């Protein structure tokens, strides 16, 4: 969790610099990021209850993929938004 929230610190500066999103877009993306986090809590909790080892591995892989792909596919607002949603749903 420490790495998750540590990486989150760089979301706003990344969104300003790479896709050059404006304040309104950043606000909407961070709101979607938070909302999908709630969804991810429910989905992850259910998956962890059924198959904890597989769920943990899948969550770690999705987080790593989303964060690693952000500099590659996040150069546009749509790509950044999709990766942020994937990141926080995981």
Protein backbone atom coordinates (compact mmCIF):
# COMPACT_ATOMS: atom_id res chain seq x y z
CA UNK A 1 0.00 0.00 0.00
CA UNK A 2 2.90 2.33 0.67
CA UNK A 3 4.07 2.07 -2.93
CA UNK A 4 0.50 2.55 -4.18
CA UNK A 5 0.05 5.84 -2.33
CA UNK A 6 3.62 6.88 -3.00
CA UNK A 7 3.04 6.59 -6.75
CA UNK A 8 -0.30 8.41 -6.37
CA UNK A 9 1.68 11.51 -5.29
CA UNK A 10 2.91 11.86 -8.87
CA UNK A 11 -0.46 11.56 -10.62
CA UNK A 12 -1.36 15.26 -10.70
CA UNK A 13 2.09 16.45 -11.87
CA UNK A 14 2.11 13.67 -14.48
CA UNK A 15 -1.33 14.67 -15.77
CA UNK A 16 -0.25 18.30 -16.00
CA UNK A 17 3.02 17.56 -17.78
CA UNK A 18 2.44 14.60 -20.11
CA UNK A 19 -1.12 14.75 -21.48
CA UNK A 20 -1.20 18.44 -20.47
CA UNK A 21 -4.58 18.08 -18.78
CA UNK A 22 -6.21 21.18 -17.37
CA UNK A 23 -7.45 21.62 -13.81
CA UNK A 24 -11.02 20.54 -14.62
CA UNK A 25 -9.86 17.40 -16.39
CA UNK A 26 -7.48 16.52 -13.58
CA UNK A 27 -10.27 16.96 -11.04
CA UNK A 28 -12.57 14.67 -13.05
CA UNK A 29 -9.82 12.06 -13.48
CA UNK A 30 -8.99 12.06 -9.77
CA UNK A 31 -12.69 11.77 -8.94
CA UNK A 32 -12.98 8.78 -11.28
CA UNK A 33 -9.79 7.38 -9.73
CA UNK A 34 -11.36 7.56 -6.26
CA UNK A 35 -14.70 6.13 -7.39
CA UNK A 36 -13.07 3.18 -9.09
CA UNK A 37 -11.10 2.60 -5.90
CA UNK A 38 -14.39 1.91 -4.12
CA UNK A 39 -15.35 -0.54 -6.86
CA UNK A 40 -11.92 -2.14 -6.61
CA UNK A 41 -12.32 -2.58 -2.85
CA UNK A 42 -15.50 -4.60 -3.34
CA UNK A 43 -14.14 -6.63 -6.26
CA UNK A 44 -10.80 -7.23 -4.61
CA UNK A 45 -12.39 -8.19 -1.30
CA UNK A 46 -14.61 -10.76 -2.97
CA UNK A 47 -11.71 -12.18 -4.99
CA UNK A 48 -9.44 -12.31 -1.96
CA UNK A 49 -12.09 -14.16 0.04
CA UNK A 50 -12.33 -16.87 -2.64
CA UNK A 51 -8.75 -17.26 -3.86
CA UNK A 52 -6.37 -15.11 -1.84
CA UNK A 53 -3.09 -16.09 -3.51
CA UNK A 54 -4.39 -15.76 -7.07
CA UNK A 55 -6.19 -12.50 -6.27
CA UNK A 56 -3.10 -11.00 -4.66
CA UNK A 57 -1.00 -11.95 -7.68
CA UNK A 58 -3.55 -10.51 -10.11
CA UNK A 59 -3.87 -7.28 -8.13
CA UNK A 60 -0.08 -6.85 -7.98
CA UNK A 61 0.25 -7.53 -11.71
CA UNK A 62 -2.52 -5.06 -12.62
CA UNK A 63 -1.02 -2.35 -10.41
CA UNK A 64 2.44 -2.88 -11.86
CA UNK A 65 1.14 -2.90 -15.43
CA UNK A 66 -0.96 0.23 -14.99
CA UNK A 67 1.87 2.20 -13.39
CA UNK A 68 4.50 0.94 -15.83
CA UNK A 69 2.33 1.70 -18.87
CA UNK A 70 1.35 5.20 -17.73
CA UNK A 71 4.43 6.87 -19.27
CA UNK A 72 3.98 4.83 -22.47
CA UNK A 73 0.20 4.98 -23.06
CA UNK A 74 -0.69 7.92 -20.85
CA UNK A 75 0.45 10.63 -23.24
CA UNK A 76 -3.18 11.41 -24.03
CA UNK A 77 -6.03 12.11 -21.65
CA UNK A 78 -7.98 8.99 -22.67
CA UNK A 79 -5.01 6.65 -22.20
CA UNK A 80 -4.16 8.24 -18.86
CA UNK A 81 -7.78 7.96 -17.73
CA UNK A 82 -8.02 4.27 -18.66
CA UNK A 83 -4.78 3.43 -16.90
CA UNK A 84 -5.80 5.38 -13.79
CA UNK A 85 -9.09 3.50 -13.68
CA UNK A 86 -7.26 0.19 -14.08
CA UNK A 87 -4.75 1.22 -11.43
CA UNK A 88 -7.30 2.07 -8.79
CA UNK A 89 -9.71 -0.72 -9.60
CA UNK A 90 -6.85 -3.13 -8.92
